[in-house]
N, C-alpha and C. Protein backbone atom coordinates (compact mmCIF):
# COMPACT_ATOMS: atom_id res chain seq x y z
N MET A 1 43.21 104.24 125.46
CA MET A 1 44.21 104.36 125.25
C MET A 1 44.07 105.51 123.96
N ASN A 2 44.20 107.16 123.20
CA ASN A 2 44.06 107.80 122.44
C ASN A 2 44.27 107.34 120.65
N ASN A 3 43.38 106.60 119.81
CA ASN A 3 44.17 106.15 118.75
C ASN A 3 44.81 106.72 117.68
N ASN A 4 44.63 108.13 118.05
CA ASN A 4 46.03 108.90 117.53
C ASN A 4 47.36 108.62 117.80
N ALA A 5 47.15 108.31 118.99
CA ALA A 5 48.87 108.67 119.76
C ALA A 5 49.72 107.29 118.96
N PRO A 6 51.04 107.70 119.47
CA PRO A 6 51.80 107.15 118.73
C PRO A 6 52.20 105.98 119.25
N ARG A 7 52.58 105.23 118.13
CA ARG A 7 53.01 103.42 118.29
C ARG A 7 54.13 103.03 118.40
N PHE A 8 54.70 102.59 119.18
CA PHE A 8 56.00 101.84 119.48
C PHE A 8 56.53 100.45 119.16
N ALA A 9 57.20 100.40 118.55
CA ALA A 9 58.24 98.95 118.48
C ALA A 9 59.13 98.64 119.72
N VAL A 10 58.99 98.39 120.50
CA VAL A 10 60.01 97.46 121.77
C VAL A 10 60.79 96.13 121.40
N VAL A 11 62.15 97.00 120.90
CA VAL A 11 62.68 95.32 120.61
C VAL A 11 63.74 95.00 121.81
N LEU A 12 63.49 93.71 121.66
CA LEU A 12 64.24 92.46 122.84
C LEU A 12 64.95 91.87 122.97
N SER A 13 66.33 91.26 123.10
CA SER A 13 67.07 91.07 122.98
C SER A 13 67.10 89.30 124.00
N GLY A 14 65.96 88.95 124.39
CA GLY A 14 66.30 87.92 125.33
C GLY A 14 65.76 88.19 126.89
N CYS A 15 66.18 87.67 127.77
CA CYS A 15 65.06 87.93 129.06
C CYS A 15 66.44 88.10 130.25
N GLY A 16 67.18 88.66 130.74
CA GLY A 16 67.65 88.53 131.75
C GLY A 16 69.40 89.54 131.43
N VAL A 17 69.65 90.30 132.08
CA VAL A 17 70.95 91.39 132.08
C VAL A 17 72.28 90.97 131.47
N PHE A 18 72.68 89.93 132.02
CA PHE A 18 73.70 89.05 131.32
C PHE A 18 73.76 88.19 129.37
N ASP A 19 72.63 87.93 129.42
CA ASP A 19 72.62 87.28 128.30
C ASP A 19 71.47 87.87 127.65
N GLY A 20 70.30 88.71 127.68
CA GLY A 20 69.28 88.94 127.12
C GLY A 20 68.64 90.75 127.36
N SER A 21 67.78 90.96 127.52
CA SER A 21 67.51 92.27 127.34
C SER A 21 67.36 92.53 129.16
N GLU A 22 67.74 93.83 129.91
CA GLU A 22 67.66 94.29 130.52
C GLU A 22 66.29 94.38 131.32
N ILE A 23 65.78 93.93 132.44
CA ILE A 23 64.77 93.21 132.89
C ILE A 23 63.86 94.78 133.23
N HIS A 24 64.75 95.69 134.48
CA HIS A 24 64.38 96.52 134.50
C HIS A 24 63.95 97.82 133.27
N GLU A 25 65.28 97.53 132.23
CA GLU A 25 65.06 98.80 131.06
C GLU A 25 63.94 98.49 130.62
N ALA A 26 63.87 96.78 129.93
CA ALA A 26 61.91 96.67 129.13
C ALA A 26 61.19 97.43 130.13
N VAL A 27 61.08 96.59 131.10
CA VAL A 27 59.52 96.81 131.72
C VAL A 27 59.22 98.41 132.21
N CYS A 28 60.32 99.07 132.27
CA CYS A 28 60.39 100.70 132.56
C CYS A 28 60.37 101.41 131.01
N THR A 29 60.54 100.94 130.41
CA THR A 29 60.24 101.23 128.94
C THR A 29 59.00 101.35 128.39
N MET A 30 58.57 100.04 129.03
CA MET A 30 56.50 99.68 128.80
C MET A 30 55.70 101.05 129.56
N LEU A 31 56.61 100.55 130.75
CA LEU A 31 55.70 101.49 131.28
C LEU A 31 55.29 102.77 131.05
N ALA A 32 56.52 103.56 130.90
CA ALA A 32 56.66 105.34 130.16
C ALA A 32 55.79 104.80 129.08
N ILE A 33 55.81 104.49 127.89
CA ILE A 33 54.67 104.45 127.00
C ILE A 33 53.52 104.37 127.26
N GLU A 34 53.12 103.62 128.06
CA GLU A 34 51.93 103.34 128.26
C GLU A 34 51.71 104.58 129.27
N GLN A 35 52.32 105.21 130.09
CA GLN A 35 52.04 106.43 130.96
C GLN A 35 51.52 107.54 130.32
N SER A 36 52.64 107.32 129.02
CA SER A 36 52.39 108.76 127.97
C SER A 36 51.33 108.48 126.93
N GLY A 37 50.46 107.88 127.36
CA GLY A 37 48.70 107.45 126.79
C GLY A 37 48.86 106.77 125.20
N CYS A 38 50.29 106.42 124.71
CA CYS A 38 50.67 105.89 123.76
C CYS A 38 51.09 103.97 123.68
N THR A 39 50.99 103.72 122.99
CA THR A 39 50.93 101.99 122.80
C THR A 39 51.94 101.09 122.52
N TYR A 40 52.53 100.23 122.50
CA TYR A 40 53.58 99.38 122.40
C TYR A 40 53.40 98.06 121.65
N GLN A 41 54.26 97.70 120.58
CA GLN A 41 54.35 95.86 120.38
C GLN A 41 55.97 95.50 120.87
N CYS A 42 56.25 94.86 120.88
CA CYS A 42 57.25 93.75 121.61
C CYS A 42 57.77 92.97 120.40
N PHE A 43 58.89 93.21 119.47
CA PHE A 43 59.49 92.34 119.00
C PHE A 43 60.94 92.02 119.28
N ALA A 44 61.32 90.48 118.62
CA ALA A 44 62.32 90.27 118.97
C ALA A 44 63.35 89.32 118.10
N PRO A 45 64.53 89.69 117.52
CA PRO A 45 64.80 88.45 116.59
C PRO A 45 64.67 86.39 116.84
N ASN A 46 64.43 86.15 116.11
CA ASN A 46 64.09 84.88 116.04
C ASN A 46 65.48 84.01 115.85
N THR A 47 66.17 83.60 117.30
CA THR A 47 67.54 83.46 116.59
C THR A 47 67.90 82.61 117.69
N TRP A 48 69.07 81.94 117.76
CA TRP A 48 69.81 81.55 119.53
C TRP A 48 70.89 82.72 119.46
N GLN A 49 70.64 82.41 120.97
CA GLN A 49 71.15 83.65 121.75
C GLN A 49 72.82 83.33 122.04
N ALA A 50 73.78 83.77 122.14
CA ALA A 50 75.18 83.73 121.78
C ALA A 50 75.72 82.68 122.94
N ARG A 51 74.43 83.24 124.52
CA ARG A 51 75.22 82.28 125.21
C ARG A 51 74.11 82.35 126.16
N THR A 52 74.13 81.31 126.83
CA THR A 52 72.83 81.61 128.37
C THR A 52 74.04 81.38 129.52
N ILE A 53 73.44 82.29 130.41
CA ILE A 53 74.04 82.64 131.83
C ILE A 53 72.93 82.43 133.15
N ASP A 54 73.89 81.52 133.73
CA ASP A 54 72.89 81.10 135.32
C ASP A 54 72.73 82.99 135.42
N HIS A 55 71.99 83.32 135.93
CA HIS A 55 72.01 85.33 136.85
C HIS A 55 72.17 84.49 138.32
N PHE A 56 71.94 83.29 139.02
CA PHE A 56 72.64 83.38 140.26
C PHE A 56 74.01 82.92 140.40
N THR A 57 74.49 82.49 139.85
CA THR A 57 75.84 82.27 140.22
C THR A 57 76.78 83.34 138.67
N GLY A 58 75.96 83.95 137.86
CA GLY A 58 77.02 84.48 136.82
C GLY A 58 77.57 83.28 135.79
N HIS A 59 77.60 82.47 135.95
CA HIS A 59 78.38 81.55 134.67
C HIS A 59 77.58 81.22 133.21
N ALA A 60 78.65 81.18 132.46
CA ALA A 60 77.60 80.46 131.60
C ALA A 60 77.31 78.93 131.21
N VAL A 61 75.95 78.61 131.32
CA VAL A 61 75.65 77.53 131.56
C VAL A 61 75.38 76.68 129.70
N ALA A 62 75.29 77.01 128.74
CA ALA A 62 74.91 77.12 127.50
C ALA A 62 76.06 78.14 126.26
N ILE A 63 76.35 77.79 125.39
CA ILE A 63 76.61 79.27 124.52
C ILE A 63 76.36 78.89 122.90
N ALA A 64 76.22 79.17 122.08
CA ALA A 64 75.45 78.73 120.53
C ALA A 64 75.98 77.30 120.16
N GLY A 65 75.01 76.92 119.58
CA GLY A 65 75.21 75.63 119.51
C GLY A 65 74.80 74.42 120.10
N ASP A 66 75.07 74.93 121.65
CA ASP A 66 74.50 73.72 122.44
C ASP A 66 72.82 73.15 122.58
N GLU A 67 72.28 72.13 122.67
CA GLU A 67 71.17 71.64 122.78
C GLU A 67 70.52 72.49 124.38
N ASP A 68 70.78 73.02 124.90
CA ASP A 68 70.39 73.51 126.16
C ASP A 68 70.51 74.71 126.10
N ASN A 69 71.07 75.50 124.90
CA ASN A 69 71.00 77.17 124.67
C ASN A 69 69.26 77.60 124.59
N ARG A 70 69.68 79.14 124.75
CA ARG A 70 67.86 79.75 124.09
C ARG A 70 67.70 80.68 123.34
N ASN A 71 66.56 80.18 123.13
CA ASN A 71 66.00 81.30 121.47
C ASN A 71 65.69 82.53 122.08
N VAL A 72 65.90 83.82 121.53
CA VAL A 72 65.81 85.21 121.65
C VAL A 72 64.28 85.22 121.95
N LEU A 73 64.01 84.44 120.72
CA LEU A 73 61.65 85.10 120.70
C LEU A 73 62.26 84.81 121.41
N ALA A 74 62.11 83.47 121.89
CA ALA A 74 61.46 82.52 123.26
C ALA A 74 61.21 83.24 124.32
N GLU A 75 62.64 83.59 124.77
CA GLU A 75 63.09 84.31 126.02
C GLU A 75 62.35 86.10 126.51
N SER A 76 62.71 86.30 125.06
CA SER A 76 62.17 87.71 125.13
C SER A 76 60.66 87.37 125.74
N ALA A 77 59.80 86.43 125.16
CA ALA A 77 58.25 86.51 125.33
C ALA A 77 57.63 86.17 127.32
N ARG A 78 59.37 86.27 127.67
CA ARG A 78 59.01 86.11 129.13
C ARG A 78 58.78 87.14 129.57
N ILE A 79 59.23 88.34 129.16
CA ILE A 79 59.35 89.95 129.24
C ILE A 79 57.67 90.53 128.86
N ALA A 80 57.65 90.19 127.54
CA ALA A 80 55.97 90.15 127.17
C ALA A 80 55.24 89.95 127.25
N ARG A 81 54.97 88.75 128.48
CA ARG A 81 53.87 87.90 128.75
C ARG A 81 53.28 87.47 127.57
N GLY A 82 54.17 86.74 126.88
CA GLY A 82 53.65 85.98 125.23
C GLY A 82 53.58 86.90 124.13
N ASN A 83 53.34 88.44 124.50
CA ASN A 83 52.63 88.82 123.20
C ASN A 83 53.92 89.79 122.88
N VAL A 84 54.70 88.85 121.93
CA VAL A 84 55.54 89.42 121.19
C VAL A 84 55.75 88.82 119.54
N LYS A 85 56.37 89.99 119.06
CA LYS A 85 56.58 89.24 117.26
C LYS A 85 58.17 88.89 116.94
N ASP A 86 57.94 88.05 115.95
CA ASP A 86 59.32 87.75 115.19
C ASP A 86 59.84 88.99 114.66
N LEU A 87 60.70 89.77 114.72
CA LEU A 87 61.12 90.96 114.41
C LEU A 87 61.10 90.99 112.94
N SER A 88 61.23 89.85 111.91
CA SER A 88 60.83 89.63 110.93
C SER A 88 59.54 90.72 110.14
N GLU A 89 58.70 90.46 111.48
CA GLU A 89 57.08 91.00 110.50
C GLU A 89 57.39 92.61 111.07
N PHE A 90 58.32 93.13 111.33
CA PHE A 90 58.42 95.03 111.60
C PHE A 90 58.18 95.22 110.63
N LYS A 91 57.43 96.46 110.41
CA LYS A 91 56.97 97.43 109.33
C LYS A 91 57.65 98.76 109.61
N ALA A 92 58.10 99.31 109.54
CA ALA A 92 58.34 100.66 110.05
C ALA A 92 57.33 101.53 109.82
N LYS A 93 56.62 101.79 108.49
CA LYS A 93 55.37 102.56 108.68
C LYS A 93 53.80 102.38 109.44
N ASP A 94 54.25 100.86 110.47
CA ASP A 94 53.07 101.10 111.47
C ASP A 94 53.38 101.80 113.02
N PHE A 95 54.38 102.28 112.63
CA PHE A 95 54.82 102.63 113.57
C PHE A 95 55.86 104.12 113.95
N GLU A 96 55.51 104.64 115.20
CA GLU A 96 56.18 106.25 115.25
C GLU A 96 57.50 105.87 115.58
N GLY A 97 57.63 105.13 116.32
CA GLY A 97 58.61 105.21 117.26
C GLY A 97 59.21 103.45 117.13
N ILE A 98 60.59 103.38 117.06
CA ILE A 98 61.28 102.03 117.87
C ILE A 98 61.89 102.13 118.85
N VAL A 99 62.26 101.39 119.89
CA VAL A 99 63.35 101.36 120.76
C VAL A 99 63.73 100.16 121.61
N PHE A 100 64.94 100.40 121.53
CA PHE A 100 65.72 98.93 122.24
C PHE A 100 66.81 99.25 123.69
N PRO A 101 65.53 98.92 124.27
CA PRO A 101 66.22 98.52 125.83
C PRO A 101 67.75 97.79 125.66
N GLY A 102 68.77 97.83 127.06
CA GLY A 102 69.88 98.00 126.78
C GLY A 102 69.87 95.57 127.44
N GLY A 103 71.12 95.78 128.22
CA GLY A 103 71.47 94.41 128.51
C GLY A 103 72.08 93.86 127.61
N PHE A 104 72.80 92.98 128.41
CA PHE A 104 74.03 92.41 126.92
C PHE A 104 73.81 91.69 125.98
N GLY A 105 72.56 91.35 125.59
CA GLY A 105 71.23 90.83 124.78
C GLY A 105 71.98 91.62 123.55
N ALA A 106 72.08 92.88 123.73
CA ALA A 106 72.08 93.62 122.48
C ALA A 106 73.39 93.42 122.04
N ALA A 107 74.48 93.69 122.92
CA ALA A 107 76.01 93.31 122.20
C ALA A 107 76.29 92.22 122.02
N LEU A 108 75.02 90.74 121.79
CA LEU A 108 76.09 89.84 122.16
C LEU A 108 74.82 89.37 121.35
N ASN A 109 73.30 89.53 121.05
CA ASN A 109 72.24 88.68 120.00
C ASN A 109 72.27 89.57 119.00
N LEU A 110 71.41 90.78 119.25
CA LEU A 110 71.04 92.24 118.59
C LEU A 110 72.90 92.45 117.63
N SER A 111 74.00 92.00 118.11
CA SER A 111 74.98 92.70 117.40
C SER A 111 76.06 91.63 118.12
N ASP A 112 77.48 91.50 118.09
CA ASP A 112 77.87 90.96 118.35
C ASP A 112 79.31 91.71 119.27
N PHE A 113 78.76 92.82 119.47
CA PHE A 113 79.64 94.25 119.85
C PHE A 113 80.64 93.66 121.25
N ALA A 114 79.91 93.12 121.93
CA ALA A 114 81.07 92.34 122.91
C ALA A 114 82.10 91.51 122.79
N VAL A 115 82.17 90.88 121.62
CA VAL A 115 83.13 90.11 121.07
C VAL A 115 84.23 90.95 120.16
N LYS A 116 83.63 91.92 119.00
CA LYS A 116 84.21 92.04 118.31
C LYS A 116 84.59 93.81 118.32
N GLY A 117 83.81 94.82 119.02
CA GLY A 117 84.08 96.05 119.29
C GLY A 117 83.11 96.68 117.94
N ALA A 118 84.09 97.58 117.42
CA ALA A 118 83.66 98.43 116.64
C ALA A 118 83.85 97.61 115.02
N ASP A 119 84.16 96.42 115.18
CA ASP A 119 83.77 95.74 113.95
C ASP A 119 82.85 94.78 114.26
N CYS A 120 82.21 94.84 114.63
CA CYS A 120 80.64 94.13 115.24
C CYS A 120 79.59 93.90 114.08
N ASP A 121 79.30 92.65 113.82
CA ASP A 121 78.56 92.27 112.85
C ASP A 121 76.88 92.60 113.30
N ILE A 122 75.64 92.72 112.68
CA ILE A 122 74.37 93.37 113.33
C ILE A 122 73.57 91.88 112.76
N ASN A 123 73.13 91.26 113.92
CA ASN A 123 71.96 90.35 113.32
C ASN A 123 70.94 90.88 112.10
N VAL A 124 70.47 90.79 110.89
CA VAL A 124 70.34 90.73 109.82
C VAL A 124 68.64 91.60 109.77
N GLU A 125 67.89 90.94 110.86
CA GLU A 125 66.79 91.35 110.76
C GLU A 125 66.88 92.99 111.97
N VAL A 126 67.65 93.07 112.55
CA VAL A 126 67.73 94.30 113.51
C VAL A 126 68.31 95.26 112.03
N ARG A 127 69.43 95.06 111.83
CA ARG A 127 69.76 96.18 110.23
C ARG A 127 68.46 96.58 109.99
N ARG A 128 67.89 95.47 108.81
CA ARG A 128 66.53 95.96 108.71
C ARG A 128 65.85 96.69 109.52
N ALA A 129 65.72 96.55 110.36
CA ALA A 129 64.23 97.32 111.33
C ALA A 129 64.96 98.92 111.52
N VAL A 130 66.41 98.76 111.76
CA VAL A 130 66.98 100.05 111.94
C VAL A 130 67.11 101.08 110.65
N GLU A 131 67.71 100.44 109.61
CA GLU A 131 67.54 101.33 108.29
C GLU A 131 66.29 101.59 108.09
N GLU A 132 65.30 100.40 107.83
CA GLU A 132 64.05 101.23 107.26
C GLU A 132 63.39 101.94 108.27
N SER A 133 63.70 102.09 109.75
CA SER A 133 63.21 103.10 110.36
C SER A 133 63.55 104.39 110.16
N TYR A 134 64.85 104.34 110.19
CA TYR A 134 65.37 105.68 109.51
C TYR A 134 65.55 106.38 108.29
N ARG A 135 65.34 105.52 107.18
CA ARG A 135 63.92 105.93 106.07
C ARG A 135 62.90 106.60 106.44
N GLU A 136 62.08 105.79 106.99
CA GLU A 136 60.64 106.44 107.15
C GLU A 136 60.75 106.83 108.04
N GLY A 137 62.01 107.75 108.81
CA GLY A 137 61.96 108.68 109.19
C GLY A 137 60.72 108.48 110.99
N ILE A 138 60.88 107.42 111.60
CA ILE A 138 60.34 107.35 112.53
C ILE A 138 61.01 107.35 113.96
N VAL A 139 61.24 107.63 114.96
CA VAL A 139 61.77 107.97 115.51
C VAL A 139 62.75 106.89 116.26
N ILE A 140 63.93 107.04 116.44
CA ILE A 140 65.08 105.80 117.25
C ILE A 140 65.06 105.69 118.59
N GLY A 141 65.39 104.86 119.21
CA GLY A 141 65.84 105.11 120.87
C GLY A 141 66.41 104.23 121.13
N ALA A 142 67.37 104.26 121.95
CA ALA A 142 68.03 103.07 122.76
C ALA A 142 69.02 103.56 123.95
N MET A 143 68.97 102.36 124.73
CA MET A 143 69.89 103.08 126.45
C MET A 143 70.44 101.53 126.85
N CYS A 144 71.68 101.92 127.78
CA CYS A 144 72.46 101.16 128.27
C CYS A 144 73.68 100.82 126.95
N ILE A 145 73.67 99.75 126.72
CA ILE A 145 74.57 99.32 125.70
C ILE A 145 74.07 99.48 124.17
N ALA A 146 73.17 99.41 123.98
CA ALA A 146 72.47 98.68 122.52
C ALA A 146 72.34 100.33 121.96
N PRO A 147 73.06 101.10 122.42
CA PRO A 147 73.03 102.41 121.31
C PRO A 147 74.69 102.24 120.62
N THR A 148 75.12 101.46 120.55
CA THR A 148 76.21 101.21 119.80
C THR A 148 75.87 99.95 118.82
N VAL A 149 74.55 99.33 118.54
CA VAL A 149 74.03 98.71 117.85
C VAL A 149 73.98 99.98 116.82
N ILE A 150 72.90 101.01 117.29
CA ILE A 150 72.49 101.97 116.68
C ILE A 150 74.01 102.54 115.41
N ALA A 151 74.84 103.14 116.52
CA ALA A 151 76.25 103.28 115.77
C ALA A 151 76.46 102.47 114.96
N ARG A 152 76.48 101.28 114.81
CA ARG A 152 77.20 100.41 113.75
C ARG A 152 75.98 100.55 112.67
N ILE A 153 75.14 100.66 112.91
CA ILE A 153 74.30 100.98 111.51
C ILE A 153 73.95 102.17 110.69
N LEU A 154 73.82 103.09 111.85
CA LEU A 154 74.05 104.43 111.34
C LEU A 154 75.13 105.29 111.35
N GLY A 155 76.30 104.87 111.25
CA GLY A 155 77.91 105.53 111.74
C GLY A 155 77.63 106.08 110.88
N LYS A 156 77.55 105.54 109.32
CA LYS A 156 77.99 106.55 108.06
C LYS A 156 76.98 107.75 107.85
N GLU A 157 76.07 107.54 108.93
CA GLU A 157 74.88 109.22 109.04
C GLU A 157 75.72 110.08 109.86
N HIS A 158 77.36 109.70 110.75
CA HIS A 158 77.43 110.60 112.00
C HIS A 158 76.27 110.58 113.41
N VAL A 159 75.25 109.88 113.45
CA VAL A 159 74.58 109.89 114.22
C VAL A 159 74.98 110.40 115.90
N LYS A 160 74.70 110.85 117.05
CA LYS A 160 74.89 111.11 118.36
C LYS A 160 74.33 110.38 118.69
N VAL A 161 75.38 109.70 120.01
CA VAL A 161 74.63 108.90 120.84
C VAL A 161 75.21 108.99 122.05
N THR A 162 74.70 107.94 123.23
CA THR A 162 75.43 108.25 124.45
C THR A 162 74.98 106.95 125.07
N ILE A 163 76.15 106.23 125.67
CA ILE A 163 76.33 105.53 126.52
C ILE A 163 76.73 105.87 128.11
N GLY A 164 76.85 106.86 128.20
CA GLY A 164 77.38 107.38 129.43
C GLY A 164 78.70 108.31 129.25
N ASN A 165 79.57 107.35 129.93
CA ASN A 165 80.92 107.82 130.04
C ASN A 165 82.43 106.97 129.70
N ASP A 166 81.52 105.75 129.33
CA ASP A 166 82.84 104.67 129.53
C ASP A 166 83.61 104.87 128.44
N LYS A 167 84.90 105.55 128.85
CA LYS A 167 85.70 105.54 127.64
C LYS A 167 85.92 104.41 126.55
N ASN A 168 86.05 103.34 126.82
CA ASN A 168 86.17 101.86 125.83
C ASN A 168 85.24 101.79 124.71
N VAL A 169 83.75 101.62 125.51
CA VAL A 169 82.69 101.93 124.52
C VAL A 169 82.72 103.05 123.89
N ALA A 170 82.60 103.97 124.49
CA ALA A 170 82.75 105.71 123.34
C ALA A 170 84.01 105.80 122.16
N SER A 171 85.11 105.41 122.53
CA SER A 171 85.99 104.98 121.53
C SER A 171 85.23 104.16 120.29
N GLY A 172 84.72 103.11 121.08
CA GLY A 172 84.28 101.79 119.51
C GLY A 172 83.29 102.78 119.19
N ILE A 173 82.34 103.64 119.60
CA ILE A 173 81.34 104.16 118.90
C ILE A 173 82.14 105.38 117.82
N GLU A 174 82.63 105.91 118.44
CA GLU A 174 83.49 107.04 117.46
C GLU A 174 83.83 106.11 116.20
N LYS A 175 85.22 104.81 116.32
CA LYS A 175 85.43 104.11 115.35
C LYS A 175 84.45 103.54 114.43
N MET A 176 83.57 103.89 114.60
CA MET A 176 82.48 103.29 113.86
C MET A 176 81.46 104.36 113.62
N GLY A 177 82.06 105.52 113.34
CA GLY A 177 81.92 106.86 112.20
C GLY A 177 80.26 107.82 113.24
N ALA A 178 80.11 107.09 114.19
CA ALA A 178 78.76 108.09 115.04
C ALA A 178 79.81 108.73 116.22
N LYS A 179 78.98 109.47 116.58
CA LYS A 179 79.68 110.58 117.77
C LYS A 179 79.27 110.26 118.75
N HIS A 180 80.00 110.28 120.30
CA HIS A 180 79.91 110.10 121.58
C HIS A 180 79.46 111.13 122.41
N GLN A 181 78.01 111.74 122.99
CA GLN A 181 77.99 112.60 123.49
C GLN A 181 78.39 111.93 125.26
N SER A 182 79.12 112.49 126.11
CA SER A 182 79.00 111.85 127.94
C SER A 182 77.61 112.45 128.48
N CYS A 183 77.21 111.55 129.16
CA CYS A 183 75.85 112.46 129.69
C CYS A 183 76.03 111.22 131.40
N ASN A 184 75.27 112.41 132.23
CA ASN A 184 74.48 111.24 133.35
C ASN A 184 73.82 109.92 133.44
N ALA A 185 73.16 109.62 134.67
CA ALA A 185 72.75 108.14 134.25
C ALA A 185 70.96 108.16 133.88
N THR A 186 70.87 109.65 134.15
CA THR A 186 69.23 109.64 133.15
C THR A 186 69.01 110.84 132.45
N ASP A 187 70.12 111.42 131.71
CA ASP A 187 70.24 112.32 131.01
C ASP A 187 69.74 111.60 129.48
N VAL A 188 69.64 112.14 128.47
CA VAL A 188 69.29 112.15 127.36
C VAL A 188 69.81 112.72 126.67
N CYS A 189 70.35 112.01 125.24
CA CYS A 189 71.32 112.40 123.87
C CYS A 189 70.12 112.64 123.14
N VAL A 190 69.76 113.73 122.83
CA VAL A 190 68.90 113.99 121.55
C VAL A 190 69.85 113.96 120.43
N ASP A 191 69.42 113.21 119.22
CA ASP A 191 70.08 113.55 118.07
C ASP A 191 68.57 114.18 117.00
N SER A 192 68.45 115.56 117.43
CA SER A 192 67.02 115.98 116.46
C SER A 192 67.27 115.59 115.08
N GLU A 193 68.18 116.00 114.54
CA GLU A 193 68.54 115.75 113.12
C GLU A 193 68.51 114.29 112.54
N HIS A 194 68.53 113.39 112.91
CA HIS A 194 69.18 112.39 112.45
C HIS A 194 67.35 111.11 113.23
N LYS A 195 66.69 111.92 114.35
CA LYS A 195 65.70 111.51 114.92
C LYS A 195 66.24 110.33 116.08
N VAL A 196 67.46 109.85 116.84
CA VAL A 196 68.07 109.50 117.67
C VAL A 196 67.52 109.75 118.97
N VAL A 197 67.24 108.81 119.75
CA VAL A 197 67.40 109.28 120.96
C VAL A 197 67.96 108.46 121.86
N THR A 198 69.30 108.30 122.81
CA THR A 198 69.76 107.48 123.76
C THR A 198 69.46 108.20 125.54
N THR A 199 69.79 107.17 125.93
CA THR A 199 70.67 107.58 127.76
C THR A 199 71.21 105.91 128.33
N PRO A 200 71.72 106.99 129.18
CA PRO A 200 73.26 105.42 129.63
C PRO A 200 72.36 104.69 130.64
N CYS A 201 71.49 104.59 131.49
CA CYS A 201 70.32 103.19 132.14
C CYS A 201 71.54 102.59 133.10
N TYR A 202 72.07 101.89 132.80
CA TYR A 202 72.41 100.97 133.75
C TYR A 202 73.73 100.83 133.37
N MET A 203 74.13 101.36 132.17
CA MET A 203 75.82 102.11 132.12
C MET A 203 75.98 102.53 133.32
N LEU A 204 75.51 103.14 133.95
CA LEU A 204 75.60 104.14 134.87
C LEU A 204 74.66 104.26 136.28
N ALA A 205 73.05 103.94 135.88
CA ALA A 205 72.65 104.04 136.83
C ALA A 205 72.93 103.06 138.12
N THR A 206 72.60 103.26 139.18
CA THR A 206 72.41 102.35 140.70
C THR A 206 71.16 101.65 141.00
N SER A 207 70.17 102.19 140.86
CA SER A 207 69.04 102.20 140.90
C SER A 207 67.86 101.66 139.96
N ILE A 208 66.58 101.00 140.50
CA ILE A 208 65.38 100.91 139.16
C ILE A 208 65.26 102.29 139.32
N LYS A 209 64.90 102.99 140.55
CA LYS A 209 64.53 104.44 140.50
C LYS A 209 64.78 105.30 138.94
N GLU A 210 66.50 105.55 139.13
CA GLU A 210 67.07 106.14 138.09
C GLU A 210 66.72 105.35 136.20
N ILE A 211 66.57 103.81 136.77
CA ILE A 211 66.10 103.27 135.43
C ILE A 211 64.51 104.31 134.83
N TYR A 212 63.93 104.18 135.76
CA TYR A 212 62.34 104.90 135.48
C TYR A 212 62.94 105.62 135.04
N ASP A 213 63.55 106.75 135.48
CA ASP A 213 63.71 108.51 135.52
C ASP A 213 64.50 108.14 133.34
N GLY A 214 65.37 107.60 133.77
CA GLY A 214 65.75 107.49 132.08
C GLY A 214 64.90 107.58 131.41
N THR A 215 64.14 105.87 131.62
CA THR A 215 63.46 105.64 130.38
C THR A 215 62.15 106.72 130.05
N ARG A 216 61.68 107.59 131.08
CA ARG A 216 60.63 108.16 131.06
C ARG A 216 61.18 109.05 130.40
N ASN A 217 62.36 109.64 130.44
CA ASN A 217 63.09 111.09 130.00
C ASN A 217 63.63 110.59 128.26
N LEU A 218 64.04 109.26 127.81
CA LEU A 218 63.89 108.69 126.66
C LEU A 218 62.35 109.03 126.26
N ILE A 219 61.73 108.49 126.97
CA ILE A 219 60.22 108.62 125.64
C ILE A 219 59.74 109.74 125.97
N ASP A 220 59.73 111.18 126.75
CA ASP A 220 59.61 111.77 126.51
C ASP A 220 60.19 112.68 125.73
N GLU A 221 61.31 112.54 125.50
CA GLU A 221 62.35 113.17 124.18
C GLU A 221 61.35 112.70 123.03
N MET A 222 61.45 111.22 122.54
CA MET A 222 60.99 110.66 121.62
C MET A 222 59.77 111.23 121.08
N LEU A 223 58.60 111.56 122.17
CA LEU A 223 57.42 112.13 122.15
C LEU A 223 58.01 113.59 121.49
N GLU A 224 58.41 114.49 122.06
CA GLU A 224 58.93 115.92 121.35
C GLU A 224 59.36 115.73 119.93
N LEU A 225 60.01 114.30 119.81
CA LEU A 225 60.32 114.48 118.07
C LEU A 225 59.28 114.10 117.44
N MET A 226 58.43 113.62 118.36
CA MET A 226 57.11 112.70 117.16
C MET A 226 55.96 114.17 116.92
N ASP A 227 56.41 115.55 118.18
CA ASP A 227 55.57 116.58 118.18
C ASP A 227 53.96 116.20 118.59
N TYR A 228 54.27 115.14 119.88
CA TYR A 228 53.14 114.54 120.49
C TYR A 228 53.59 115.14 121.91
């Protein structure tokens, strides 16, 4: 690896599309970063999941407060092969980019957008990481439903994002002060003024190939904003 290559923070929200990070999106993001000659470090908030879903049946098996509910950081370690840090350790000055894969964890654990919509609350460490990244001028990337998190935190800056073309979610984004741009599955929305890059991924994609293409396009556009 080039020692001068950009460094990415990848923020996970658990393990599994229905209650954590979407695994295809997370893995393809890490692959795209490495294929670009760059490095990454995974992070996750050390908090309990809003709910735990049996991904075979689709049924909830635990909710917040239950003994057998799961920890977001511990579950994220499954995707990161153990190499994950508590998001409280994140420092924007150590990175050139920060990326948020999608999955319902973004709307349940990083925020509660799935429950409250535009009035959602954001995990305190997620808010700190995004606000610090924005102040430091590092490039922020998000995919699938995760742009709603960025919209809630940076809506006051009128950032431009995409989640594809879902009218209800797009309306929620607009209510939070952000601007929504409709895109196809592998397209990328680039807000060069605010250094925010987003792509729909599984909000529209129907195959892992489309996920790979979308995440690679996102990382490429982030690198463009880094002049790399």
